[in-house]
C-alpha atoms as a PDB file:
ATOM      1  CA  UNK A   1     -21.282  12.469 -45.094  1.00  0.00           C
ATOM      2  CA  UNK A   2     -18.001  13.882 -43.826  1.00  0.00           C
ATOM      3  CA  UNK A   3     -19.138  17.465 -44.556  1.00  0.00           C
ATOM      4  CA  UNK A   4     -22.378  16.817 -42.688  1.00  0.00           C
ATOM      5  CA  UNK A   5     -20.426  15.474 -39.697  1.00  0.00           C
ATOM      6  CA  UNK A   6     -18.189  18.519 -39.680  1.00  0.00           C
ATOM      7  CA  UNK A   7     -21.251  20.789 -39.847  1.00  0.00           C
ATOM      8  CA  UNK A   8     -22.878  19.098 -36.871  1.00  0.00           C
ATOM      9  CA  UNK A   9     -19.635  19.182 -34.865  1.00  0.00           C
ATOM     10  CA  UNK A  10     -17.970  22.601 -35.227  1.00  0.00           C
ATOM     11  CA  UNK A  11     -15.098  21.502 -33.012  1.00  0.00           C
ATOM     12  CA  UNK A  12     -14.366  18.481 -35.218  1.00  0.00           C
ATOM     13  CA  UNK A  13     -11.542  20.200 -37.103  1.00  0.00           C
ATOM     14  CA  UNK A  14     -10.058  21.861 -34.015  1.00  0.00           C
ATOM     15  CA  UNK A  15      -9.913  18.774 -31.775  1.00  0.00           C
ATOM     16  CA  UNK A  16      -8.079  16.383 -34.077  1.00  0.00           C
ATOM     17  CA  UNK A  17      -4.883  18.485 -34.384  1.00  0.00           C
ATOM     18  CA  UNK A  18      -4.766  18.665 -30.572  1.00  0.00           C
ATOM     19  CA  UNK A  19      -5.222  14.905 -30.235  1.00  0.00           C
ATOM     20  CA  UNK A  20      -2.560  14.199 -32.858  1.00  0.00           C
ATOM     21  CA  UNK A  21      -0.165  16.674 -31.213  1.00  0.00           C
ATOM     22  CA  UNK A  22      -0.658  15.164 -27.755  1.00  0.00           C
ATOM     23  CA  UNK A  23      -0.213  11.650 -29.161  1.00  0.00           C
ATOM     24  CA  UNK A  24       3.062  12.607 -30.827  1.00  0.00           C
ATOM     25  CA  UNK A  25       4.276  14.281 -27.630  1.00  0.00           C
ATOM     26  CA  UNK A  26       3.419  11.230 -25.511  1.00  0.00           C
ATOM     27  CA  UNK A  27       5.097   8.928 -28.010  1.00  0.00           C
ATOM     28  CA  UNK A  28       8.245  11.073 -27.901  1.00  0.00           C
ATOM     29  CA  UNK A  29       8.255  11.036 -24.078  1.00  0.00           C
ATOM     30  CA  UNK A  30       7.805   7.252 -23.961  1.00  0.00           C
ATOM     31  CA  UNK A  31      10.576   6.648 -26.507  1.00  0.00           C
ATOM     32  CA  UNK A  32      12.927   9.052 -24.731  1.00  0.00           C
ATOM     33  CA  UNK A  33      12.310   7.551 -21.276  1.00  0.00           C
ATOM     34  CA  UNK A  34      12.637   3.995 -22.616  1.00  0.00           C
ATOM     35  CA  UNK A  35      15.990   4.924 -24.138  1.00  0.00           C
ATOM     36  CA  UNK A  36      17.076   6.664 -20.926  1.00  0.00           C
ATOM     37  CA  UNK A  37      16.198   3.544 -18.897  1.00  0.00           C
ATOM     38  CA  UNK A  38      17.962   1.344 -21.460  1.00  0.00           C
ATOM     39  CA  UNK A  39      14.858  -0.803 -21.918  1.00  0.00           C
ATOM     40  CA  UNK A  40      15.697  -3.553 -24.367  1.00  0.00           C
ATOM     41  CA  UNK A  41      13.694  -6.543 -25.532  1.00  0.00           C
ATOM     42  CA  UNK A  42      16.851  -8.220 -26.847  1.00  0.00           C
ATOM     43  CA  UNK A  43      18.577  -7.829 -23.471  1.00  0.00           C
ATOM     44  CA  UNK A  44      15.585  -9.388 -21.723  1.00  0.00           C
ATOM     45  CA  UNK A  45      15.513 -12.287 -24.182  1.00  0.00           C
ATOM     46  CA  UNK A  46      19.254 -12.731 -23.718  1.00  0.00           C
ATOM     47  CA  UNK A  47      18.750 -12.953 -19.959  1.00  0.00           C
ATOM     48  CA  UNK A  48      16.124 -15.699 -20.156  1.00  0.00           C
ATOM     49  CA  UNK A  49      18.709 -18.550 -20.117  1.00  0.00           C
ATOM     50  CA  UNK A  50      20.232 -17.151 -16.907  1.00  0.00           C
ATOM     51  CA  UNK A  51      16.764 -16.862 -15.378  1.00  0.00           C
ATOM     52  CA  UNK A  52      15.937 -20.449 -16.307  1.00  0.00           C
ATOM     53  CA  UNK A  53      19.292 -21.561 -14.919  1.00  0.00           C
ATOM     54  CA  UNK A  54      18.508 -19.876 -11.577  1.00  0.00           C
ATOM     55  CA  UNK A  55      15.033 -21.442 -11.470  1.00  0.00           C
ATOM     56  CA  UNK A  56      16.631 -24.800 -12.194  1.00  0.00           C
ATOM     57  CA  UNK A  57      18.924 -24.350  -9.177  1.00  0.00           C
ATOM     58  CA  UNK A  58      15.890 -23.631  -6.988  1.00  0.00           C
ATOM     59  CA  UNK A  59      14.138 -26.859  -7.942  1.00  0.00           C
ATOM     60  CA  UNK A  60      13.069 -28.876  -6.101  1.00  0.00           C
ATOM     61  CA  UNK A  61      12.275 -26.757  -3.006  1.00  0.00           C
ATOM     62  CA  UNK A  62      13.947 -27.883   0.194  1.00  0.00           C
ATOM     63  CA  UNK A  63      10.942 -29.075   2.246  1.00  0.00           C
ATOM     64  CA  UNK A  64      13.227 -30.052   5.139  1.00  0.00           C
ATOM     65  CA  UNK A  65      13.524 -26.376   6.191  1.00  0.00           C
ATOM     66  CA  UNK A  66       9.766 -25.866   6.534  1.00  0.00           C
ATOM     67  CA  UNK A  67       9.807 -26.481  10.292  1.00  0.00           C
ATOM     68  CA  UNK A  68      12.398 -23.762  10.750  1.00  0.00           C
ATOM     69  CA  UNK A  69      10.276 -21.294   8.773  1.00  0.00           C
ATOM     70  CA  UNK A  70       7.256 -21.472  11.077  1.00  0.00           C
ATOM     71  CA  UNK A  71       8.720 -19.053  13.608  1.00  0.00           C
ATOM     72  CA  UNK A  72       9.806 -16.465  10.963  1.00  0.00           C
ATOM     73  CA  UNK A  73       6.350 -16.774   9.351  1.00  0.00           C
ATOM     74  CA  UNK A  74       4.684 -16.019  12.689  1.00  0.00           C
ATOM     75  CA  UNK A  75       7.022 -13.055  13.197  1.00  0.00           C
ATOM     76  CA  UNK A  76       6.132 -11.703   9.749  1.00  0.00           C
ATOM     77  CA  UNK A  77       2.421 -11.931  10.543  1.00  0.00           C
ATOM     78  CA  UNK A  78       2.966 -10.291  13.933  1.00  0.00           C
ATOM     79  CA  UNK A  79       4.875  -7.406  12.350  1.00  0.00           C
ATOM     80  CA  UNK A  80       2.089  -6.874   9.809  1.00  0.00           C
ATOM     81  CA  UNK A  81      -0.632  -7.098  12.472  1.00  0.00           C
ATOM     82  CA  UNK A  82       0.935  -4.662  14.919  1.00  0.00           C
ATOM     83  CA  UNK A  83       1.978  -2.266  12.191  1.00  0.00           C
ATOM     84  CA  UNK A  84      -1.634  -2.170  11.010  1.00  0.00           C
ATOM     85  CA  UNK A  85      -3.136  -1.849  14.507  1.00  0.00           C
ATOM     86  CA  UNK A  86      -0.930   1.110  15.423  1.00  0.00           C
ATOM     87  CA  UNK A  87      -1.713   2.725  12.066  1.00  0.00           C
ATOM     88  CA  UNK A  88      -5.479   2.371  12.623  1.00  0.00           C
ATOM     89  CA  UNK A  89      -5.352   4.354  15.868  1.00  0.00           C
ATOM     90  CA  UNK A  90      -3.011   7.109  14.698  1.00  0.00           C
ATOM     91  CA  UNK A  91      -4.500   7.465  11.217  1.00  0.00           C
ATOM     92  CA  UNK A  92      -8.036   7.783  12.598  1.00  0.00           C
ATOM     93  CA  UNK A  93      -6.972  10.816  14.623  1.00  0.00           C
ATOM     94  CA  UNK A  94      -5.086  12.342  11.685  1.00  0.00           C
ATOM     95  CA  UNK A  95      -7.998  11.610   9.332  1.00  0.00           C
ATOM     96  CA  UNK A  96     -10.357  13.621  11.538  1.00  0.00           C
ATOM     97  CA  UNK A  97      -8.025  16.600  11.282  1.00  0.00           C
ATOM     98  CA  UNK A  98      -7.505  16.102   7.548  1.00  0.00           C
ATOM     99  CA  UNK A  99     -11.220  15.907   6.724  1.00  0.00           C
ATOM    100  CA  UNK A 100     -12.339  19.211   5.210  1.00  0.00           C
ATOM    101  CA  UNK A 101     -15.904  18.864   6.510  1.00  0.00           C
ATOM    102  CA  UNK A 102     -14.651  18.495  10.105  1.00  0.00           C
ATOM    103  CA  UNK A 103     -11.673  20.821  10.432  1.00  0.00           C
ATOM    104  CA  UNK A 104     -11.675  22.678   7.120  1.00  0.00           C
ATOM    105  CA  UNK A 105     -12.611  25.862   8.966  1.00  0.00           C
ATOM    106  CA  UNK A 106      -9.665  25.455  11.371  1.00  0.00           C
ATOM    107  CA  UNK A 107      -6.969  25.747   8.735  1.00  0.00           C
ATOM    108  CA  UNK A 108      -3.965  25.067  10.972  1.00  0.00           C
ATOM    109  CA  UNK A 109      -5.382  21.685  12.040  1.00  0.00           C
ATOM    110  CA  UNK A 110      -6.453  20.775   8.525  1.00  0.00           C
ATOM    111  CA  UNK A 111      -3.207  21.701   6.756  1.00  0.00           C
ATOM    112  CA  UNK A 112      -0.939  20.248   9.463  1.00  0.00           C
ATOM    113  CA  UNK A 113      -2.853  16.946   9.369  1.00  0.00           C
ATOM    114  CA  UNK A 114      -2.688  16.839   5.579  1.00  0.00           C
ATOM    115  CA  UNK A 115       1.015  17.646   5.608  1.00  0.00           C
ATOM    116  CA  UNK A 116       1.744  14.862   8.101  1.00  0.00           C
ATOM    117  CA  UNK A 117      -0.219  12.307   6.075  1.00  0.00           C
ATOM    118  CA  UNK A 118       1.507  13.376   2.856  1.00  0.00           C
ATOM    119  CA  UNK A 119       4.913  13.135   4.505  1.00  0.00           C
ATOM    120  CA  UNK A 120       4.293   9.690   6.000  1.00  0.00           C
ATOM    121  CA  UNK A 121       3.204   8.100   2.731  1.00  0.00           C
ATOM    122  CA  UNK A 122       5.733   9.939   0.567  1.00  0.00           C
ATOM    123  CA  UNK A 123       8.588   7.916   2.074  1.00  0.00           C
ATOM    124  CA  UNK A 124       8.387   4.183   1.169  1.00  0.00           C
ATOM    125  CA  UNK A 125       8.174   1.699   4.037  1.00  0.00           C
ATOM    126  CA  UNK A 126      11.526   0.211   3.032  1.00  0.00           C
ATOM    127  CA  UNK A 127      13.220   3.558   3.673  1.00  0.00           C
ATOM    128  CA  UNK A 128      11.336   3.918   6.965  1.00  0.00           C
ATOM    129  CA  UNK A 129      12.673   0.477   7.897  1.00  0.00           C
ATOM    130  CA  UNK A 130      16.253   1.583   7.167  1.00  0.00           C
ATOM    131  CA  UNK A 131      15.710   4.673   9.313  1.00  0.00           C
ATOM    132  CA  UNK A 132      14.294   2.712  12.244  1.00  0.00           C
ATOM    133  CA  UNK A 133      16.930  -0.034  11.953  1.00  0.00           C
ATOM    134  CA  UNK A 134      19.548   2.702  12.329  1.00  0.00           C
ATOM    135  CA  UNK A 135      17.611   4.149  15.283  1.00  0.00           C
ATOM    136  CA  UNK A 136      16.646   1.058  17.316  1.00  0.00           C
ATOM    137  CA  UNK A 137      18.770  -1.712  15.793  1.00  0.00           C
ATOM    138  CA  UNK A 138      17.990  -4.898  13.900  1.00  0.00           C
ATOM    139  CA  UNK A 139      14.941  -7.022  14.623  1.00  0.00           C
ATOM    140  CA  UNK A 140      11.186  -7.017  14.276  1.00  0.00           C
ATOM    141  CA  UNK A 141      10.545  -3.761  16.160  1.00  0.00           C
ATOM    142  CA  UNK A 142      11.839  -1.446  13.395  1.00  0.00           C
ATOM    143  CA  UNK A 143       9.691  -3.414  10.955  1.00  0.00           C
ATOM    144  CA  UNK A 144       6.597  -2.725  13.049  1.00  0.00           C
ATOM    145  CA  UNK A 145       7.463   0.971  13.245  1.00  0.00           C
ATOM    146  CA  UNK A 146       8.107   1.221   9.504  1.00  0.00           C
ATOM    147  CA  UNK A 147       4.805  -0.407   8.574  1.00  0.00           C
ATOM    148  CA  UNK A 148       2.915   1.627  11.172  1.00  0.00           C
ATOM    149  CA  UNK A 149       4.303   4.953   9.969  1.00  0.00           C
ATOM    150  CA  UNK A 150       3.760   4.285   6.266  1.00  0.00           C
ATOM    151  CA  UNK A 151       0.328   2.732   6.834  1.00  0.00           C
ATOM    152  CA  UNK A 152      -0.711   5.813   8.821  1.00  0.00           C
ATOM    153  CA  UNK A 153      -0.172   7.919   5.718  1.00  0.00           C
ATOM    154  CA  UNK A 154      -2.112   5.527   3.497  1.00  0.00           C
ATOM    155  CA  UNK A 155      -5.021   4.793   5.844  1.00  0.00           C
ATOM    156  CA  UNK A 156      -5.261   8.383   7.062  1.00  0.00           C
ATOM    157  CA  UNK A 157      -5.804   9.674   3.525  1.00  0.00           C
ATOM    158  CA  UNK A 158      -8.417   6.998   2.760  1.00  0.00           C
ATOM    159  CA  UNK A 159     -10.222   7.526   6.072  1.00  0.00           C
ATOM    160  CA  UNK A 160     -10.254  11.303   5.515  1.00  0.00           C
ATOM    161  CA  UNK A 161     -11.760  10.912   2.047  1.00  0.00           C
ATOM    162  CA  UNK A 162     -14.397   8.564   3.462  1.00  0.00           C
ATOM    163  CA  UNK A 163     -15.292  11.161   6.121  1.00  0.00           C
ATOM    164  CA  UNK A 164     -15.563  13.900   3.495  1.00  0.00           C
ATOM    165  CA  UNK A 165     -18.047  11.804   1.505  1.00  0.00           C
ATOM    166  CA  UNK A 166     -20.543  11.234   4.339  1.00  0.00           C
ATOM    167  CA  UNK A 167     -24.118  12.494   4.409  1.00  0.00           C
ATOM    168  CA  UNK A 168     -23.952  15.726   6.476  1.00  0.00           C
ATOM    169  CA  UNK A 169     -27.535  15.394   7.733  1.00  0.00           C
ATOM    170  CA  UNK A 170     -26.982  13.158  10.809  1.00  0.00           C
ATOM    171  CA  UNK A 171     -23.904  15.143  11.819  1.00  0.00           C
ATOM    172  CA  UNK A 172     -25.704  18.485  11.600  1.00  0.00           C
ATOM    173  CA  UNK A 173     -28.596  17.110  13.660  1.00  0.00           C
ATOM    174  CA  UNK A 174     -26.264  16.034  16.460  1.00  0.00           C
ATOM    175  CA  UNK A 175     -24.248  19.262  16.363  1.00  0.00           C
ATOM    176  CA  UNK A 176     -27.464  21.245  16.754  1.00  0.00           C
ATOM    177  CA  UNK A 177     -27.948  19.578  20.152  1.00  0.00           C
ATOM    178  CA  UNK A 178     -24.560  20.866  21.349  1.00  0.00           C
ATOM    179  CA  UNK A 179     -22.827  17.505  21.826  1.00  0.00           C
ATOM    180  CA  UNK A 180     -19.037  17.195  21.709  1.00  0.00           C
ATOM    181  CA  UNK A 181     -17.066  16.412  18.530  1.00  0.00           C
ATOM    182  CA  UNK A 182     -16.155  12.880  19.643  1.00  0.00           C
ATOM    183  CA  UNK A 183     -19.830  12.103  20.210  1.00  0.00           C
ATOM    184  CA  UNK A 184     -20.658  13.449  16.764  1.00  0.00           C
ATOM    185  CA  UNK A 185     -17.874  11.345  15.285  1.00  0.00           C
ATOM    186  CA  UNK A 186     -19.012   8.205  17.111  1.00  0.00           C
ATOM    187  CA  UNK A 187     -22.722   8.353  16.272  1.00  0.00           C
ATOM    188  CA  UNK A 188     -22.990  10.200  12.952  1.00  0.00           C
ATOM    189  CA  UNK A 189     -19.703   9.597  11.148  1.00  0.00           C
ATOM    190  CA  UNK A 190     -18.435   6.156  12.191  1.00  0.00           C
ATOM    191  CA  UNK A 191     -21.645   4.301  11.163  1.00  0.00           C
ATOM    192  CA  UNK A 192     -21.371   5.803   7.679  1.00  0.00           C
ATOM    193  CA  UNK A 193     -17.667   5.184   7.107  1.00  0.00           C
ATOM    194  CA  UNK A 194     -17.376   1.875   8.988  1.00  0.00           C
ATOM    195  CA  UNK A 195     -17.773  -0.393   5.902  1.00  0.00           C
ATOM    196  CA  UNK A 196     -15.166   1.613   3.991  1.00  0.00           C
ATOM    197  CA  UNK A 197     -12.815   1.627   6.982  1.00  0.00           C
ATOM    198  CA  UNK A 198     -13.066  -2.155   7.249  1.00  0.00           C
ATOM    199  CA  UNK A 199     -12.346  -2.575   3.540  1.00  0.00           C
ATOM    200  CA  UNK A 200      -9.384  -0.192   3.586  1.00  0.00           C
ATOM    201  CA  UNK A 201      -7.984  -1.671   6.805  1.00  0.00           C
ATOM    202  CA  UNK A 202      -8.175  -5.297   5.663  1.00  0.00           C
ATOM    203  CA  UNK A 203      -6.571  -4.397   2.346  1.00  0.00           C
ATOM    204  CA  UNK A 204      -3.818  -2.567   4.204  1.00  0.00           C
ATOM    205  CA  UNK A 205      -3.292  -5.619   6.419  1.00  0.00           C
ATOM    206  CA  UNK A 206      -2.934  -7.818   3.328  1.00  0.00           C
ATOM    207  CA  UNK A 207      -0.415  -5.370   1.884  1.00  0.00           C
ATOM    208  CA  UNK A 208       1.492  -5.211   5.156  1.00  0.00           C
ATOM    209  CA  UNK A 209       1.873  -9.003   5.196  1.00  0.00           C
ATOM    210  CA  UNK A 210       3.613  -8.751   1.829  1.00  0.00           C
ATOM    211  CA  UNK A 211       5.592  -5.670   2.812  1.00  0.00           C
ATOM    212  CA  UNK A 212       6.721  -7.274   6.074  1.00  0.00           C
ATOM    213  CA  UNK A 213       8.576  -9.926   4.078  1.00  0.00           C
ATOM    214  CA  UNK A 214      10.367  -7.227   2.076  1.00  0.00           C
ATOM    215  CA  UNK A 215      11.349  -5.316   5.215  1.00  0.00           C
ATOM    216  CA  UNK A 216      13.154  -8.432   6.412  1.00  0.00           C
ATOM    217  CA  UNK A 217      15.660  -7.848   3.619  1.00  0.00           C
ATOM    218  CA  UNK A 218      16.985  -4.818   5.511  1.00  0.00           C
ATOM    219  CA  UNK A 219      17.199  -6.579   8.862  1.00  0.00           C
ATOM    220  CA  UNK A 220      13.651  -6.237  10.153  1.00  0.00           C
ATOM    221  CA  UNK A 221      13.284  -9.978  10.790  1.00  0.00           C
ATOM    222  CA  UNK A 222      10.752 -12.504   9.562  1.00  0.00           C
ATOM    223  CA  UNK A 223      10.718 -14.446   6.304  1.00  0.00           C
ATOM    224  CA  UNK A 224      12.405 -11.650   4.387  1.00  0.00           C
ATOM    225  CA  UNK A 225      15.492 -11.972   6.563  1.00  0.00           C
ATOM    226  CA  UNK A 226      15.549 -15.745   6.018  1.00  0.00           C
ATOM    227  CA  UNK A 227      15.161 -15.282   2.253  1.00  0.00           C
ATOM    228  CA  UNK A 228      17.974 -12.748   2.136  1.00  0.00           C
ATOM    229  CA  UNK A 229      20.237 -15.086   4.094  1.00  0.00           C
ATOM    230  CA  UNK A 230      19.424 -18.061   1.867  1.00  0.00           C
ATOM    231  CA  UNK A 231      20.123 -16.084  -1.327  1.00  0.00           C
ATOM    232  CA  UNK A 232      23.402 -14.698   0.016  1.00  0.00           C
ATOM    233  CA  UNK A 233      24.570 -18.207   0.911  1.00  0.00           C
ATOM    234  CA  UNK A 234      23.449 -19.564  -2.505  1.00  0.00           C
ATOM    235  CA  UNK A 235      20.958 -21.926  -0.873  1.00  0.00           C
ATOM    236  CA  UNK A 236      18.540 -21.637  -3.762  1.00  0.00           C
ATOM    237  CA  UNK A 237      16.452 -24.704  -2.882  1.00  0.00           C
ATOM    238  CA  UNK A 238      15.885 -23.229   0.567  1.00  0.00           C
ATOM    239  CA  UNK A 239      15.129 -19.811  -0.938  1.00  0.00           C
ATOM    240  CA  UNK A 240      12.486 -21.327  -3.202  1.00  0.00           C
ATOM    241  CA  UNK A 241      10.852 -22.999  -0.216  1.00  0.00           C
ATOM    242  CA  UNK A 242      10.728 -19.637   1.579  1.00  0.00           C
ATOM    243  CA  UNK A 243       9.107 -18.070  -1.504  1.00  0.00           C
ATOM    244  CA  UNK A 244       6.474 -20.823  -1.517  1.00  0.00           C
ATOM    245  CA  UNK A 245       5.760 -20.185   2.172  1.00  0.00           C
ATOM    246  CA  UNK A 246       5.380 -16.448   1.470  1.00  0.00           C
ATOM    247  CA  UNK A 247       2.922 -17.181  -1.355  1.00  0.00           C
ATOM    248  CA  UNK A 248       0.969 -19.550   0.895  1.00  0.00           C
ATOM    249  CA  UNK A 249       0.883 -17.027   3.743  1.00  0.00           C
ATOM    250  CA  UNK A 250      -0.328 -14.174   1.509  1.00  0.00           C
ATOM    251  CA  UNK A 251      -2.959 -16.413  -0.081  1.00  0.00           C
ATOM    252  CA  UNK A 252      -4.334 -17.496   3.293  1.00  0.00           C
ATOM    253  CA  UNK A 253      -4.374 -13.894   4.509  1.00  0.00           C
ATOM    254  CA  UNK A 254      -6.277 -12.817   1.407  1.00  0.00           C
ATOM    255  CA  UNK A 255      -8.797 -15.636   1.875  1.00  0.00           C
ATOM    256  CA  UNK A 256      -9.403 -14.813   5.545  1.00  0.00           C
ATOM    257  CA  UNK A 257      -9.743 -11.075   4.915  1.00  0.00           C
ATOM    258  CA  UNK A 258     -12.226 -11.778   2.128  1.00  0.00           C
ATOM    259  CA  UNK A 259     -14.350 -13.873   4.462  1.00  0.00           C
ATOM    260  CA  UNK A 260     -14.180 -11.175   7.131  1.00  0.00           C
ATOM    261  CA  UNK A 261     -15.374  -8.539   4.654  1.00  0.00           C
ATOM    262  CA  UNK A 262     -18.331 -10.728   3.740  1.00  0.00           C
ATOM    263  CA  UNK A 263     -19.242 -11.222   7.401  1.00  0.00           C
ATOM    264  CA  UNK A 264     -18.830  -7.609   8.539  1.00  0.00           C
ATOM    265  CA  UNK A 265     -19.949  -5.517   5.572  1.00  0.00           C
END
């Protein structure tokens, strides 16, 4: 049986040594990196009592601070909303330049647009927040700028890929009539990519709501700032309440965006 299998598959004997070699190499890399990172199951198990002790300090949540969290929650949502809105506008323009089927023939536009998108999403939003906090000071504004810049890189790449995957027929028909590029984009490209744009944009908005809370840790306002303050002052019951509010806010955002996708798409 084995000889028959080898006869039917001439590459049978040549593939297995490669697979075994790659497996050994990957195993070596994983073991080496785990050792370099000092990953340790025993250390994690040893830290469980401290984790449980911290959770015990957080219980029960301090519900009395909920009223004071409404304003920071609104600020967090505002930061996420405006960061996403600005990103939609800018990333749409960059996506047009970064789409190979639109500007692939004009290399300078194509490569510059791609380079900008790669640069924007290569730097995490937390680092962008630190940069803008240093530039314009503490508050919600640097948070908006950080989310807008990073989201431009993410949405621009997704929009560009959606444009590249369109059916070229409608576009070629319009171009044959001599209409301008914006008209071609509006009537032949947007209808095809609109469902994908909505999906990508709503997902980015959901992500920005979560990211906006993290940006507050570096002084960008909102619930993240309140959480950082509570942890620094050892107000663990208050911190746990803030975490619950963040979970509630993200859950509601996810629910609403899901309903919007069902209505629009």
